[in-house]
Amino acid sequence: MLLFEDTVLFDEGKKRFVDFNLPGTELKLWEQFFPRSESDYYYRKFISDTPWAQYRRKMYDKIVPDPRLTAWYGKNGNEWTPELVAIKSKVEAVAGVLFDGVLLNYYRDGNDSVSWHSDNLPASGKATPIASVTFGEKRVFKVRHKTRKDIQQLNIPLTHGSLLLMGETMQLYYEHHIPKTAMKISSRINLTFRMIE
């Protein structure tokens, strides 16, 4: 039984690479970076074995729960698992950098989301690349420039087994967002590999 109905996407020869050629940064997408069998395995494994937590944050003078579950692996977090090490190794070979942390996000259904934001810089203050891997339901990843209205907003479908690589200056000039959807959809696991040190 197939977990997700991306039958065309996972036919041999249907892999797709897109370089979005954004001004001031790099943004690249590899669909089917992980084959279906691996993607299905990782999806099930992370849902069942990850110590998910729902954190709370201040928003508009209120303390509210994050609209998704998360888990951190790396410094001051959980120990790396063999699965995460294997994924990290494959991602690093393409990214050309060594990551030392990964944030896992669990979007349980269409109600889970993340608002417009740019990711924080590492403790060093130096901008670094971030690699985003998706297992599970397709969700739209929106990207917009922080100040330039002449650069068109992107709506990128992130599919089961895909890799999105955000260049080192992406967080300086752009922000991104996973919106809620009223569609009845399944869950999505997202791994964002980062450089903390």
Protein backbone atom coordinates (compact mmCIF):
# COMPACT_ATOMS: atom_id res chain seq x y z
CA MET A 1 0.00 0.00 0.00
CA LEU A 2 1.32 3.45 -0.93
CA LEU A 3 1.44 6.06 1.81
CA PHE A 4 1.08 8.99 -0.55
CA GLU A 5 -0.40 9.05 -4.04
CA ASP A 6 2.51 10.77 -5.83
CA THR A 7 2.54 7.94 -8.35
CA VAL A 8 3.74 10.09 -11.25
CA LEU A 9 6.42 11.72 -9.11
CA PHE A 10 7.90 8.38 -8.11
CA ASP A 11 7.93 6.80 -11.58
CA GLU A 12 11.53 6.24 -12.66
CA GLY A 13 12.85 9.12 -14.71
CA LYS A 14 10.52 11.69 -13.13
CA LYS A 15 13.09 13.22 -10.78
CA ARG A 16 13.12 16.99 -11.07
CA PHE A 17 15.69 19.61 -10.09
CA VAL A 18 14.81 23.31 -9.92
CA ASP A 19 17.16 26.24 -9.31
CA PHE A 20 14.90 29.18 -8.49
CA ASN A 21 17.63 31.74 -9.28
CA LEU A 22 16.58 34.12 -6.51
CA PRO A 23 18.38 37.49 -6.38
CA GLY A 24 20.91 37.59 -3.55
CA THR A 25 20.77 33.91 -2.56
CA GLU A 26 20.44 30.30 -3.66
CA LEU A 27 17.28 28.22 -3.47
CA LYS A 28 17.35 24.74 -5.02
CA LEU A 29 14.85 21.86 -5.02
CA TRP A 30 15.41 18.16 -5.64
CA GLU A 31 12.17 16.18 -5.92
CA GLN A 32 12.39 12.46 -5.14
CA PHE A 33 15.82 13.02 -3.55
CA PHE A 34 14.98 9.98 -1.45
CA PRO A 35 13.25 7.08 -3.26
CA ARG A 36 9.76 6.04 -2.22
CA SER A 37 10.84 3.03 -0.14
CA GLU A 38 13.27 5.13 1.94
CA SER A 39 10.80 8.01 2.22
CA ASP A 40 8.01 5.71 3.45
CA TYR A 41 10.37 4.08 5.97
CA TYR A 42 11.63 7.40 7.37
CA TYR A 43 8.12 8.84 7.55
CA ARG A 44 6.85 5.95 9.67
CA LYS A 45 10.01 5.78 11.78
CA PHE A 46 10.04 9.47 12.72
CA ILE A 47 6.34 9.55 13.58
CA SER A 48 6.63 6.55 15.91
CA ASP A 49 10.08 7.04 17.47
CA THR A 50 10.65 10.80 17.78
CA PRO A 51 10.16 12.41 21.23
CA TRP A 52 7.78 15.06 19.91
CA ALA A 53 6.96 18.10 22.04
CA GLN A 54 4.67 21.08 21.59
CA TYR A 55 6.35 24.25 22.77
CA ARG A 56 4.72 27.55 23.64
CA ARG A 57 5.76 31.00 22.48
CA LYS A 58 4.77 34.62 22.96
CA MET A 59 2.70 36.02 20.10
CA TYR A 60 0.77 39.29 20.17
CA ASP A 61 1.09 39.56 23.98
CA LYS A 62 -0.23 36.03 24.49
CA ILE A 63 1.47 32.71 25.21
CA VAL A 64 0.25 30.22 22.60
CA PRO A 65 1.19 26.63 21.69
CA ASP A 66 3.19 26.16 18.49
CA PRO A 67 0.88 24.90 15.71
CA ARG A 68 3.08 21.82 15.15
CA LEU A 69 5.25 19.40 17.14
CA THR A 70 9.05 19.60 17.15
CA ALA A 71 12.20 17.79 18.28
CA TRP A 72 15.82 18.99 18.25
CA TYR A 73 18.86 16.76 17.62
CA GLY A 74 22.44 17.96 18.10
CA LYS A 75 24.04 20.23 20.70
CA ASN A 76 21.82 20.59 23.81
CA GLY A 77 19.29 18.20 22.28
CA ASN A 78 18.59 14.58 21.52
CA GLU A 79 21.33 12.19 20.40
CA TRP A 80 21.60 11.61 16.66
CA THR A 81 19.85 8.44 15.51
CA PRO A 82 21.26 6.14 12.77
CA GLU A 83 18.46 7.29 10.45
CA LEU A 84 19.25 10.98 10.96
CA VAL A 85 22.98 10.35 10.44
CA ALA A 86 22.25 8.53 7.15
CA ILE A 87 19.99 11.33 5.89
CA LYS A 88 22.47 14.00 7.01
CA SER A 89 25.30 12.29 5.13
CA LYS A 90 23.31 12.18 1.88
CA VAL A 91 22.21 15.82 2.24
CA GLU A 92 25.74 17.03 3.09
CA ALA A 93 27.12 15.42 -0.08
CA VAL A 94 24.86 17.69 -2.16
CA ALA A 95 25.01 20.79 0.06
CA GLY A 96 28.79 20.76 0.37
CA VAL A 97 28.68 21.65 4.07
CA LEU A 98 28.68 19.75 7.37
CA PHE A 99 25.57 20.22 9.51
CA ASP A 100 25.71 19.83 13.30
CA GLY A 101 22.01 20.05 14.22
CA VAL A 102 18.59 19.20 12.88
CA LEU A 103 15.12 20.42 13.84
CA LEU A 104 12.29 17.96 13.16
CA ASN A 105 8.81 19.40 12.61
CA TYR A 106 5.63 17.32 12.67
CA TYR A 107 2.71 18.91 10.82
CA ARG A 108 -0.09 16.59 11.96
CA ASP A 109 -2.72 17.84 9.49
CA GLY A 110 -3.77 20.95 7.57
CA ASN A 111 -4.28 22.92 10.79
CA ASP A 112 -0.57 22.78 11.62
CA SER A 113 1.54 25.53 10.09
CA VAL A 114 4.39 27.99 10.52
CA SER A 115 3.94 31.75 10.10
CA TRP A 116 6.12 34.07 8.01
CA HIS A 117 9.64 34.13 9.44
CA SER A 118 13.37 33.91 8.76
CA ASP A 119 15.40 31.34 10.67
CA ASN A 120 17.81 32.59 13.34
CA LEU A 121 21.51 32.91 12.59
CA PRO A 122 23.88 30.50 14.39
CA ALA A 123 25.61 31.61 17.60
CA SER A 124 28.60 32.72 15.50
CA GLY A 125 26.37 35.28 13.75
CA LYS A 126 27.56 33.98 10.36
CA ALA A 127 24.87 33.18 7.79
CA THR A 128 24.84 29.50 6.81
CA PRO A 129 22.88 27.21 4.47
CA ILE A 130 19.83 25.27 5.70
CA ALA A 131 18.71 22.01 4.11
CA SER A 132 15.02 21.03 4.37
CA VAL A 133 13.88 17.43 3.81
CA THR A 134 10.19 16.46 3.55
CA PHE A 135 8.61 13.08 4.27
CA GLY A 136 4.84 12.72 4.04
CA GLU A 137 2.06 14.92 2.78
CA LYS A 138 2.81 17.62 0.21
CA ARG A 139 2.67 21.15 1.66
CA VAL A 140 3.18 24.52 0.00
CA PHE A 141 6.33 26.40 1.04
CA LYS A 142 5.89 30.12 0.41
CA VAL A 143 8.89 32.43 -0.03
CA ARG A 144 8.96 36.23 -0.26
CA HIS A 145 11.64 38.92 -0.20
CA LYS A 146 11.65 41.02 2.97
CA THR A 147 11.73 44.41 1.23
CA ARG A 148 11.57 44.08 -2.57
CA LYS A 149 8.02 43.94 -3.91
CA ASP A 150 9.31 43.48 -7.48
CA ILE A 151 10.42 39.91 -6.69
CA GLN A 152 7.45 37.59 -7.11
CA GLN A 153 6.45 35.40 -4.17
CA LEU A 154 7.17 31.69 -4.70
CA ASN A 155 4.73 28.88 -3.86
CA ILE A 156 6.79 25.68 -3.84
CA PRO A 157 5.09 22.29 -3.32
CA LEU A 158 7.38 20.23 -1.08
CA THR A 159 6.70 16.56 -1.79
CA HIS A 160 7.45 13.21 -0.14
CA GLY A 161 11.21 12.57 -0.32
CA SER A 162 12.19 16.07 -1.51
CA LEU A 163 15.19 18.20 -0.54
CA LEU A 164 15.12 22.01 -0.54
CA LEU A 165 18.46 23.78 -0.06
CA MET A 166 18.38 27.38 1.15
CA GLY A 167 21.62 29.29 0.53
CA GLU A 168 23.58 30.98 3.28
CA THR A 169 22.08 34.44 2.62
CA MET A 170 18.48 33.22 2.27
CA GLN A 171 17.53 34.10 5.87
CA LEU A 172 19.01 37.59 5.53
CA TYR A 173 16.86 38.64 2.56
CA TYR A 174 13.84 36.32 2.48
CA GLU A 175 11.20 34.88 4.77
CA HIS A 176 9.14 31.71 4.39
CA HIS A 177 5.84 30.24 5.52
CA ILE A 178 3.85 26.97 5.55
CA PRO A 179 0.17 28.04 5.59
CA LYS A 180 -2.77 26.18 7.03
CA THR A 181 -5.06 24.42 4.59
CA ALA A 182 -8.75 23.50 4.83
CA MET A 183 -8.11 20.43 2.69
CA LYS A 184 -8.28 17.07 4.44
CA ILE A 185 -4.65 15.97 4.29
CA SER A 186 -2.31 13.59 6.04
CA SER A 187 0.75 14.50 8.11
CA ARG A 188 4.17 15.80 7.09
CA ILE A 189 7.57 15.37 8.72
CA ASN A 190 10.11 18.09 7.94
CA LEU A 191 13.82 17.96 8.83
CA THR A 192 15.81 21.19 8.71
CA PHE A 193 19.56 20.60 8.90
CA ARG A 194 21.51 23.53 10.31
CA MET A 195 24.98 24.70 11.34
CA ILE A 196 24.89 25.80 14.99
CA GLU A 197 28.59 26.34 15.71
